[in-house]
Amino acid sequence: RTVQYSQWPLVSRTDYHRAILARHFLPGERKMIETNMYG
């Protein structure tokens, strides 16, 4: 178990990936996913 986020190769639930993008990124926000997910 970890709370260290990285976009290294991963398998994810599709709904989870959609949720983190909706929750932590503004529409059209141009960032790497890790940028907003670390904190």
ModelCIF file with pLDDT and N, C-alpha, C, O atoms, coordinates in Angstrom:
data_MODEL
#
_entry.id   MODEL 
#
_entity.id                         1 
_entity.type                       polymer 
_entity.pdbx_number_of_molecules   1 
#
_entity_poly.entity_id                      1 
_entity_poly.type                           'polypeptide(L)' 
_entity_poly.nstd_linkage                   no 
_entity_poly.nstd_monomer                   no 
_entity_poly.pdbx_seq_one_letter_code       RTVQYSQWPLVSRTDYHRAILARHFLPGERKMIETNMYG 
_entity_poly.pdbx_seq_one_letter_code_can   RTVQYSQWPLVSRTDYHRAILARHFLPGERKMIETNMYG 
_entity_poly.pdbx_strand_id                 A 
#
loop_
_entity_poly_seq.entity_id 
_entity_poly_seq.num 
_entity_poly_seq.mon_id 
_entity_poly_seq.hetero 
1 1  ARG n 
1 2  THR n 
1 3  VAL n 
1 4  GLN n 
1 5  TYR n 
1 6  SER n 
1 7  GLN n 
1 8  TRP n 
1 9  PRO n 
1 10 LEU n 
1 11 VAL n 
1 12 SER n 
1 13 ARG n 
1 14 THR n 
1 15 ASP n 
1 16 TYR n 
1 17 HIS n 
1 18 ARG n 
1 19 ALA n 
1 20 ILE n 
1 21 LEU n 
1 22 ALA n 
1 23 ARG n 
1 24 HIS n 
1 25 PHE n 
1 26 LEU n 
1 27 PRO n 
1 28 GLY n 
1 29 GLU n 
1 30 ARG n 
1 31 LYS n 
1 32 MET n 
1 33 ILE n 
1 34 GLU n 
1 35 THR n 
1 36 ASN n 
1 37 MET n 
1 38 TYR n 
1 39 GLY n 
#
_struct_asym.id          A 
_struct_asym.entity_id   1 
#
loop_
_ma_qa_metric.id 
_ma_qa_metric.mode 
_ma_qa_metric.name 
_ma_qa_metric.software_group_id 
_ma_qa_metric.type 
1 global pLDDT . pLDDT 
2 local  pLDDT . pLDDT 
#
_ma_qa_metric_global.metric_id      1 
_ma_qa_metric_global.metric_value   89.33 
_ma_qa_metric_global.model_id       1 
_ma_qa_metric_global.ordinal_id     1 
#
loop_
_ma_qa_metric_local.label_asym_id 
_ma_qa_metric_local.label_comp_id 
_ma_qa_metric_local.label_seq_id 
_ma_qa_metric_local.metric_id 
_ma_qa_metric_local.metric_value 
_ma_qa_metric_local.model_id 
_ma_qa_metric_local.ordinal_id 
A ARG 1  2 92.00 1 1  
A THR 2  2 89.00 1 2  
A VAL 3  2 86.00 1 3  
A GLN 4  2 82.00 1 4  
A TYR 5  2 82.00 1 5  
A SER 6  2 83.00 1 6  
A GLN 7  2 83.00 1 7  
A TRP 8  2 86.00 1 8  
A PRO 9  2 91.00 1 9  
A LEU 10 2 94.00 1 10 
A VAL 11 2 96.00 1 11 
A SER 12 2 96.00 1 12 
A ARG 13 2 97.00 1 13 
A THR 14 2 98.00 1 14 
A ASP 15 2 97.00 1 15 
A TYR 16 2 94.00 1 16 
A HIS 17 2 94.00 1 17 
A ARG 18 2 96.00 1 18 
A ALA 19 2 95.00 1 19 
A ILE 20 2 92.00 1 20 
A LEU 21 2 94.00 1 21 
A ALA 22 2 94.00 1 22 
A ARG 23 2 92.00 1 23 
A HIS 24 2 92.00 1 24 
A PHE 25 2 91.00 1 25 
A LEU 26 2 90.00 1 26 
A PRO 27 2 87.00 1 27 
A GLY 28 2 84.00 1 28 
A GLU 29 2 88.00 1 29 
A ARG 30 2 89.00 1 30 
A LYS 31 2 90.00 1 31 
A MET 32 2 88.00 1 32 
A ILE 33 2 89.00 1 33 
A GLU 34 2 85.00 1 34 
A THR 35 2 85.00 1 35 
A ASN 36 2 85.00 1 36 
A MET 37 2 86.00 1 37 
A TYR 38 2 76.00 1 38 
A GLY 39 2 76.00 1 39 
#
loop_
_atom_site.group_PDB 
_atom_site.id 
_atom_site.type_symbol 
_atom_site.label_atom_id 
_atom_site.label_alt_id 
_atom_site.label_comp_id 
_atom_site.label_asym_id 
_atom_site.label_entity_id 
_atom_site.label_seq_id 
_atom_site.pdbx_PDB_ins_code 
_atom_site.Cartn_x 
_atom_site.Cartn_y 
_atom_site.Cartn_z 
_atom_site.occupancy 
_atom_site.B_iso_or_equiv 
_atom_site.pdbx_formal_charge 
_atom_site.auth_seq_id 
_atom_site.auth_comp_id 
_atom_site.auth_asym_id 
_atom_site.auth_atom_id 
_atom_site.pdbx_PDB_model_num 
ATOM 1   N N  . ARG A 1 1  ? 0.860   -1.190 0.000   1.00 92.00 ? 1  ARG A N  1 
ATOM 2   C CA . ARG A 1 1  ? 0.000   0.000  0.000   1.00 92.00 ? 1  ARG A CA 1 
ATOM 3   C C  . ARG A 1 1  ? 0.891   1.232  0.000   1.00 92.00 ? 1  ARG A C  1 
ATOM 4   O O  . ARG A 1 1  ? 1.925   1.261  0.667   1.00 92.00 ? 1  ARG A O  1 
ATOM 5   N N  . THR A 1 2  ? 0.486   2.248  -0.750  1.00 89.00 ? 2  THR A N  1 
ATOM 6   C CA . THR A 1 2  ? 1.267   3.479  -0.766  1.00 89.00 ? 2  THR A CA 1 
ATOM 7   C C  . THR A 1 2  ? 0.376   4.676  -1.030  1.00 89.00 ? 2  THR A C  1 
ATOM 8   O O  . THR A 1 2  ? -0.669  4.568  -1.671  1.00 89.00 ? 2  THR A O  1 
ATOM 9   N N  . VAL A 1 3  ? 0.806   5.812  -0.527  1.00 86.00 ? 3  VAL A N  1 
ATOM 10  C CA . VAL A 1 3  ? 0.175   7.083  -0.868  1.00 86.00 ? 3  VAL A CA 1 
ATOM 11  C C  . VAL A 1 3  ? 1.158   7.925  -1.681  1.00 86.00 ? 3  VAL A C  1 
ATOM 12  O O  . VAL A 1 3  ? 1.017   9.145  -1.764  1.00 86.00 ? 3  VAL A O  1 
ATOM 13  N N  . GLN A 1 4  ? 2.154   7.269  -2.280  1.00 82.00 ? 4  GLN A N  1 
ATOM 14  C CA . GLN A 1 4  ? 3.100   7.927  -3.183  1.00 82.00 ? 4  GLN A CA 1 
ATOM 15  C C  . GLN A 1 4  ? 2.528   7.787  -4.590  1.00 82.00 ? 4  GLN A C  1 
ATOM 16  O O  . GLN A 1 4  ? 2.372   6.669  -5.081  1.00 82.00 ? 4  GLN A O  1 
ATOM 17  N N  . TYR A 1 5  ? 2.217   8.891  -5.238  1.00 82.00 ? 5  TYR A N  1 
ATOM 18  C CA . TYR A 1 5  ? 1.611   8.828  -6.566  1.00 82.00 ? 5  TYR A CA 1 
ATOM 19  C C  . TYR A 1 5  ? 2.659   8.989  -7.657  1.00 82.00 ? 5  TYR A C  1 
ATOM 20  O O  . TYR A 1 5  ? 3.534   9.852  -7.584  1.00 82.00 ? 5  TYR A O  1 
ATOM 21  N N  . SER A 1 6  ? 2.550   8.160  -8.640  1.00 83.00 ? 6  SER A N  1 
ATOM 22  C CA . SER A 1 6  ? 3.417   8.241  -9.807  1.00 83.00 ? 6  SER A CA 1 
ATOM 23  C C  . SER A 1 6  ? 2.658   7.682  -10.995 1.00 83.00 ? 6  SER A C  1 
ATOM 24  O O  . SER A 1 6  ? 1.832   6.782  -10.840 1.00 83.00 ? 6  SER A O  1 
ATOM 25  N N  . GLN A 1 7  ? 2.930   8.203  -12.168 1.00 83.00 ? 7  GLN A N  1 
ATOM 26  C CA . GLN A 1 7  ? 2.320   7.693  -13.395 1.00 83.00 ? 7  GLN A CA 1 
ATOM 27  C C  . GLN A 1 7  ? 3.181   6.600  -14.035 1.00 83.00 ? 7  GLN A C  1 
ATOM 28  O O  . GLN A 1 7  ? 3.015   6.295  -15.216 1.00 83.00 ? 7  GLN A O  1 
ATOM 29  N N  . TRP A 1 8  ? 4.081   6.020  -13.279 1.00 86.00 ? 8  TRP A N  1 
ATOM 30  C CA . TRP A 1 8  ? 4.824   4.892  -13.826 1.00 86.00 ? 8  TRP A CA 1 
ATOM 31  C C  . TRP A 1 8  ? 3.823   3.850  -14.286 1.00 86.00 ? 8  TRP A C  1 
ATOM 32  O O  . TRP A 1 8  ? 2.640   3.962  -13.965 1.00 86.00 ? 8  TRP A O  1 
ATOM 33  N N  . PRO A 1 9  ? 4.251   2.851  -15.020 1.00 91.00 ? 9  PRO A N  1 
ATOM 34  C CA . PRO A 1 9  ? 3.277   1.871  -15.520 1.00 91.00 ? 9  PRO A CA 1 
ATOM 35  C C  . PRO A 1 9  ? 2.309   1.449  -14.415 1.00 91.00 ? 9  PRO A C  1 
ATOM 36  O O  . PRO A 1 9  ? 2.715   1.113  -13.303 1.00 91.00 ? 9  PRO A O  1 
ATOM 37  N N  . LEU A 1 10 ? 1.033   1.476  -14.747 1.00 94.00 ? 10 LEU A N  1 
ATOM 38  C CA . LEU A 1 10 ? 0.009   1.159  -13.768 1.00 94.00 ? 10 LEU A CA 1 
ATOM 39  C C  . LEU A 1 10 ? -1.220  0.576  -14.442 1.00 94.00 ? 10 LEU A C  1 
ATOM 40  O O  . LEU A 1 10 ? -1.458  0.778  -15.633 1.00 94.00 ? 10 LEU A O  1 
ATOM 41  N N  . VAL A 1 11 ? -1.986  -0.148 -13.655 1.00 96.00 ? 11 VAL A N  1 
ATOM 42  C CA . VAL A 1 11 ? -3.317  -0.588 -14.048 1.00 96.00 ? 11 VAL A CA 1 
ATOM 43  C C  . VAL A 1 11 ? -4.271  0.122  -13.104 1.00 96.00 ? 11 VAL A C  1 
ATOM 44  O O  . VAL A 1 11 ? -4.066  0.134  -11.890 1.00 96.00 ? 11 VAL A O  1 
ATOM 45  N N  . SER A 1 12 ? -5.304  0.708  -13.664 1.00 96.00 ? 12 SER A N  1 
ATOM 46  C CA . SER A 1 12 ? -6.228  1.508  -12.877 1.00 96.00 ? 12 SER A CA 1 
ATOM 47  C C  . SER A 1 12 ? -7.658  1.174  -13.259 1.00 96.00 ? 12 SER A C  1 
ATOM 48  O O  . SER A 1 12 ? -7.942  0.760  -14.383 1.00 96.00 ? 12 SER A O  1 
ATOM 49  N N  . ARG A 1 13 ? -8.546  1.362  -12.302 1.00 97.00 ? 13 ARG A N  1 
ATOM 50  C CA . ARG A 1 13 ? -9.954  1.322  -12.657 1.00 97.00 ? 13 ARG A CA 1 
ATOM 51  C C  . ARG A 1 13 ? -10.219 2.548  -13.525 1.00 97.00 ? 13 ARG A C  1 
ATOM 52  O O  . ARG A 1 13 ? -9.796  3.648  -13.172 1.00 97.00 ? 13 ARG A O  1 
ATOM 53  N N  . THR A 1 14 ? -10.881 2.388  -14.606 1.00 98.00 ? 14 THR A N  1 
ATOM 54  C CA . THR A 1 14 ? -11.158 3.495  -15.514 1.00 98.00 ? 14 THR A CA 1 
ATOM 55  C C  . THR A 1 14 ? -11.939 4.594  -14.799 1.00 98.00 ? 14 THR A C  1 
ATOM 56  O O  . THR A 1 14 ? -11.654 5.778  -14.974 1.00 98.00 ? 14 THR A O  1 
ATOM 57  N N  . ASP A 1 15 ? -12.927 4.199  -13.990 1.00 97.00 ? 15 ASP A N  1 
ATOM 58  C CA . ASP A 1 15 ? -13.711 5.211  -13.273 1.00 97.00 ? 15 ASP A CA 1 
ATOM 59  C C  . ASP A 1 15 ? -12.854 6.002  -12.292 1.00 97.00 ? 15 ASP A C  1 
ATOM 60  O O  . ASP A 1 15 ? -13.109 7.187  -12.078 1.00 97.00 ? 15 ASP A O  1 
ATOM 61  N N  . TYR A 1 16 ? -11.853 5.384  -11.696 1.00 94.00 ? 16 TYR A N  1 
ATOM 62  C CA . TYR A 1 16 ? -10.961 6.092  -10.780 1.00 94.00 ? 16 TYR A CA 1 
ATOM 63  C C  . TYR A 1 16 ? -10.127 7.121  -11.539 1.00 94.00 ? 16 TYR A C  1 
ATOM 64  O O  . TYR A 1 16 ? -9.987  8.258  -11.089 1.00 94.00 ? 16 TYR A O  1 
ATOM 65  N N  . HIS A 1 17 ? -9.577  6.731  -12.682 1.00 94.00 ? 17 HIS A N  1 
ATOM 66  C CA . HIS A 1 17 ? -8.783  7.689  -13.453 1.00 94.00 ? 17 HIS A CA 1 
ATOM 67  C C  . HIS A 1 17 ? -9.639  8.862  -13.929 1.00 94.00 ? 17 HIS A C  1 
ATOM 68  O O  . HIS A 1 17 ? -9.194  10.010 -13.914 1.00 94.00 ? 17 HIS A O  1 
ATOM 69  N N  . ARG A 1 18 ? -10.855 8.571  -14.348 1.00 96.00 ? 18 ARG A N  1 
ATOM 70  C CA . ARG A 1 18 ? -11.757 9.653  -14.738 1.00 96.00 ? 18 ARG A CA 1 
ATOM 71  C C  . ARG A 1 18 ? -12.040 10.569 -13.543 1.00 96.00 ? 18 ARG A C  1 
ATOM 72  O O  . ARG A 1 18 ? -12.071 11.792 -13.684 1.00 96.00 ? 18 ARG A O  1 
ATOM 73  N N  . ALA A 1 19 ? -12.244 9.967  -12.370 1.00 95.00 ? 19 ALA A N  1 
ATOM 74  C CA . ALA A 1 19 ? -12.572 10.745 -11.175 1.00 95.00 ? 19 ALA A CA 1 
ATOM 75  C C  . ALA A 1 19 ? -11.411 11.645 -10.754 1.00 95.00 ? 19 ALA A C  1 
ATOM 76  O O  . ALA A 1 19 ? -11.636 12.804 -10.404 1.00 95.00 ? 19 ALA A O  1 
ATOM 77  N N  . ILE A 1 20 ? -10.178 11.143 -10.779 1.00 92.00 ? 20 ILE A N  1 
ATOM 78  C CA . ILE A 1 20 ? -9.072  12.011 -10.355 1.00 92.00 ? 20 ILE A CA 1 
ATOM 79  C C  . ILE A 1 20 ? -8.868  13.155 -11.342 1.00 92.00 ? 20 ILE A C  1 
ATOM 80  O O  . ILE A 1 20 ? -8.501  14.262 -10.948 1.00 92.00 ? 20 ILE A O  1 
ATOM 81  N N  . LEU A 1 21 ? -9.105  12.888 -12.617 1.00 94.00 ? 21 LEU A N  1 
ATOM 82  C CA . LEU A 1 21 ? -8.972  13.965 -13.605 1.00 94.00 ? 21 LEU A CA 1 
ATOM 83  C C  . LEU A 1 21 ? -10.065 15.010 -13.422 1.00 94.00 ? 21 LEU A C  1 
ATOM 84  O O  . LEU A 1 21 ? -9.811  16.203 -13.586 1.00 94.00 ? 21 LEU A O  1 
ATOM 85  N N  . ALA A 1 22 ? -11.274 14.578 -13.085 1.00 94.00 ? 22 ALA A N  1 
ATOM 86  C CA . ALA A 1 22 ? -12.373 15.517 -12.855 1.00 94.00 ? 22 ALA A CA 1 
ATOM 87  C C  . ALA A 1 22 ? -12.192 16.268 -11.544 1.00 94.00 ? 22 ALA A C  1 
ATOM 88  O O  . ALA A 1 22 ? -12.492 17.459 -11.472 1.00 94.00 ? 22 ALA A O  1 
ATOM 89  N N  . ARG A 1 23 ? -11.710 15.598 -10.511 1.00 92.00 ? 23 ARG A N  1 
ATOM 90  C CA . ARG A 1 23 ? -11.611 16.176 -9.176  1.00 92.00 ? 23 ARG A CA 1 
ATOM 91  C C  . ARG A 1 23 ? -10.403 17.098 -9.003  1.00 92.00 ? 23 ARG A C  1 
ATOM 92  O O  . ARG A 1 23 ? -10.484 18.099 -8.291  1.00 92.00 ? 23 ARG A O  1 
ATOM 93  N N  . HIS A 1 24 ? -9.294  16.768 -9.645  1.00 92.00 ? 24 HIS A N  1 
ATOM 94  C CA . HIS A 1 24 ? -8.051  17.478 -9.369  1.00 92.00 ? 24 HIS A CA 1 
ATOM 95  C C  . HIS A 1 24 ? -7.527  18.337 -10.522 1.00 92.00 ? 24 HIS A C  1 
ATOM 96  O O  . HIS A 1 24 ? -6.465  18.949 -10.406 1.00 92.00 ? 24 HIS A O  1 
ATOM 97  N N  . PHE A 1 25 ? -8.272  18.384 -11.638 1.00 91.00 ? 25 PHE A N  1 
ATOM 98  C CA . PHE A 1 25 ? -7.820  19.166 -12.791 1.00 91.00 ? 25 PHE A CA 1 
ATOM 99  C C  . PHE A 1 25 ? -8.986  19.959 -13.357 1.00 91.00 ? 25 PHE A C  1 
ATOM 100 O O  . PHE A 1 25 ? -10.086 19.431 -13.522 1.00 91.00 ? 25 PHE A O  1 
ATOM 101 N N  . LEU A 1 26 ? -8.743  21.216 -13.650 1.00 90.00 ? 26 LEU A N  1 
ATOM 102 C CA . LEU A 1 26 ? -9.744  22.030 -14.324 1.00 90.00 ? 26 LEU A CA 1 
ATOM 103 C C  . LEU A 1 26 ? -9.852  21.570 -15.772 1.00 90.00 ? 26 LEU A C  1 
ATOM 104 O O  . LEU A 1 26 ? -8.871  21.080 -16.331 1.00 90.00 ? 26 LEU A O  1 
ATOM 105 N N  . PRO A 1 27 ? -11.022 21.715 -16.393 1.00 87.00 ? 27 PRO A N  1 
ATOM 106 C CA . PRO A 1 27 ? -11.129 21.352 -17.816 1.00 87.00 ? 27 PRO A CA 1 
ATOM 107 C C  . PRO A 1 27 ? -10.077 22.097 -18.634 1.00 87.00 ? 27 PRO A C  1 
ATOM 108 O O  . PRO A 1 27 ? -9.931  23.313 -18.511 1.00 87.00 ? 27 PRO A O  1 
ATOM 109 N N  . GLY A 1 28 ? -9.357  21.367 -19.457 1.00 84.00 ? 28 GLY A N  1 
ATOM 110 C CA . GLY A 1 28 ? -8.341  21.975 -20.310 1.00 84.00 ? 28 GLY A CA 1 
ATOM 111 C C  . GLY A 1 28 ? -7.037  22.292 -19.608 1.00 84.00 ? 28 GLY A C  1 
ATOM 112 O O  . GLY A 1 28 ? -6.129  22.856 -20.218 1.00 84.00 ? 28 GLY A O  1 
ATOM 113 N N  . GLU A 1 29 ? -6.926  21.939 -18.327 1.00 88.00 ? 29 GLU A N  1 
ATOM 114 C CA . GLU A 1 29 ? -5.694  22.231 -17.590 1.00 88.00 ? 29 GLU A CA 1 
ATOM 115 C C  . GLU A 1 29 ? -4.542  21.414 -18.171 1.00 88.00 ? 29 GLU A C  1 
ATOM 116 O O  . GLU A 1 29 ? -4.618  20.189 -18.262 1.00 88.00 ? 29 GLU A O  1 
ATOM 117 N N  . ARG A 1 30 ? -3.494  22.096 -18.554 1.00 89.00 ? 30 ARG A N  1 
ATOM 118 C CA . ARG A 1 30 ? -2.363  21.470 -19.242 1.00 89.00 ? 30 ARG A CA 1 
ATOM 119 C C  . ARG A 1 30 ? -1.251  21.150 -18.253 1.00 89.00 ? 30 ARG A C  1 
ATOM 120 O O  . ARG A 1 30 ? -0.364  21.965 -17.998 1.00 89.00 ? 30 ARG A O  1 
ATOM 121 N N  . LYS A 1 31 ? -1.322  19.953 -17.708 1.00 90.00 ? 31 LYS A N  1 
ATOM 122 C CA . LYS A 1 31 ? -0.344  19.505 -16.722 1.00 90.00 ? 31 LYS A CA 1 
ATOM 123 C C  . LYS A 1 31 ? -0.124  18.008 -16.859 1.00 90.00 ? 31 LYS A C  1 
ATOM 124 O O  . LYS A 1 31 ? -0.936  17.289 -17.441 1.00 90.00 ? 31 LYS A O  1 
ATOM 125 N N  . MET A 1 32 ? 0.990   17.561 -16.310 1.00 88.00 ? 32 MET A N  1 
ATOM 126 C CA . MET A 1 32 ? 1.196   16.134 -16.132 1.00 88.00 ? 32 MET A CA 1 
ATOM 127 C C  . MET A 1 32 ? 0.265   15.698 -15.008 1.00 88.00 ? 32 MET A C  1 
ATOM 128 O O  . MET A 1 32 ? -0.022  16.496 -14.115 1.00 88.00 ? 32 MET A O  1 
ATOM 129 N N  . ILE A 1 33 ? -0.210  14.474 -15.023 1.00 89.00 ? 33 ILE A N  1 
ATOM 130 C CA . ILE A 1 33 ? -1.124  14.011 -13.982 1.00 89.00 ? 33 ILE A CA 1 
ATOM 131 C C  . ILE A 1 33 ? -0.443  14.049 -12.616 1.00 89.00 ? 33 ILE A C  1 
ATOM 132 O O  . ILE A 1 33 ? -1.064  14.430 -11.625 1.00 89.00 ? 33 ILE A O  1 
ATOM 133 N N  . GLU A 1 34 ? 0.802   13.664 -12.560 1.00 85.00 ? 34 GLU A N  1 
ATOM 134 C CA . GLU A 1 34 ? 1.533   13.665 -11.284 1.00 85.00 ? 34 GLU A CA 1 
ATOM 135 C C  . GLU A 1 34 ? 1.548   15.041 -10.622 1.00 85.00 ? 34 GLU A C  1 
ATOM 136 O O  . GLU A 1 34 ? 1.504   15.138 -9.396  1.00 85.00 ? 34 GLU A O  1 
ATOM 137 N N  . THR A 1 35 ? 1.610   16.087 -11.413 1.00 85.00 ? 35 THR A N  1 
ATOM 138 C CA . THR A 1 35 ? 1.725   17.441 -10.875 1.00 85.00 ? 35 THR A CA 1 
ATOM 139 C C  . THR A 1 35 ? 0.641   17.744 -9.850  1.00 85.00 ? 35 THR A C  1 
ATOM 140 O O  . THR A 1 35 ? 0.933   18.287 -8.784  1.00 85.00 ? 35 THR A O  1 
ATOM 141 N N  . ASN A 1 36 ? -0.590  17.404 -10.156 1.00 85.00 ? 36 ASN A N  1 
ATOM 142 C CA . ASN A 1 36 ? -1.699  17.704 -9.247  1.00 85.00 ? 36 ASN A CA 1 
ATOM 143 C C  . ASN A 1 36 ? -1.991  16.566 -8.273  1.00 85.00 ? 36 ASN A C  1 
ATOM 144 O O  . ASN A 1 36 ? -2.738  16.754 -7.312  1.00 85.00 ? 36 ASN A O  1 
ATOM 145 N N  . MET A 1 37 ? -1.419  15.403 -8.506  1.00 86.00 ? 37 MET A N  1 
ATOM 146 C CA . MET A 1 37 ? -1.759  14.253 -7.674  1.00 86.00 ? 37 MET A CA 1 
ATOM 147 C C  . MET A 1 37 ? -0.808  14.028 -6.507  1.00 86.00 ? 37 MET A C  1 
ATOM 148 O O  . MET A 1 37 ? -1.191  13.375 -5.536  1.00 86.00 ? 37 MET A O  1 
ATOM 149 N N  . TYR A 1 38 ? 0.410   14.541 -6.564  1.00 76.00 ? 38 TYR A N  1 
ATOM 150 C CA . TYR A 1 38 ? 1.352   14.320 -5.467  1.00 76.00 ? 38 TYR A CA 1 
ATOM 151 C C  . TYR A 1 38 ? 0.761   14.719 -4.126  1.00 76.00 ? 38 TYR A C  1 
ATOM 152 O O  . TYR A 1 38 ? 0.704   13.906 -3.203  1.00 76.00 ? 38 TYR A O  1 
ATOM 153 N N  . GLY A 1 39 ? 0.323   15.964 -4.014  1.00 76.00 ? 39 GLY A N  1 
ATOM 154 C CA . GLY A 1 39 ? -0.174  16.483 -2.739  1.00 76.00 ? 39 GLY A CA 1 
ATOM 155 C C  . GLY A 1 39 ? -1.397  15.772 -2.206  1.00 76.00 ? 39 GLY A C  1 
ATOM 156 O O  . GLY A 1 39 ? -1.901  16.126 -1.140  1.00 76.00 ? 39 GLY A O  1 
#
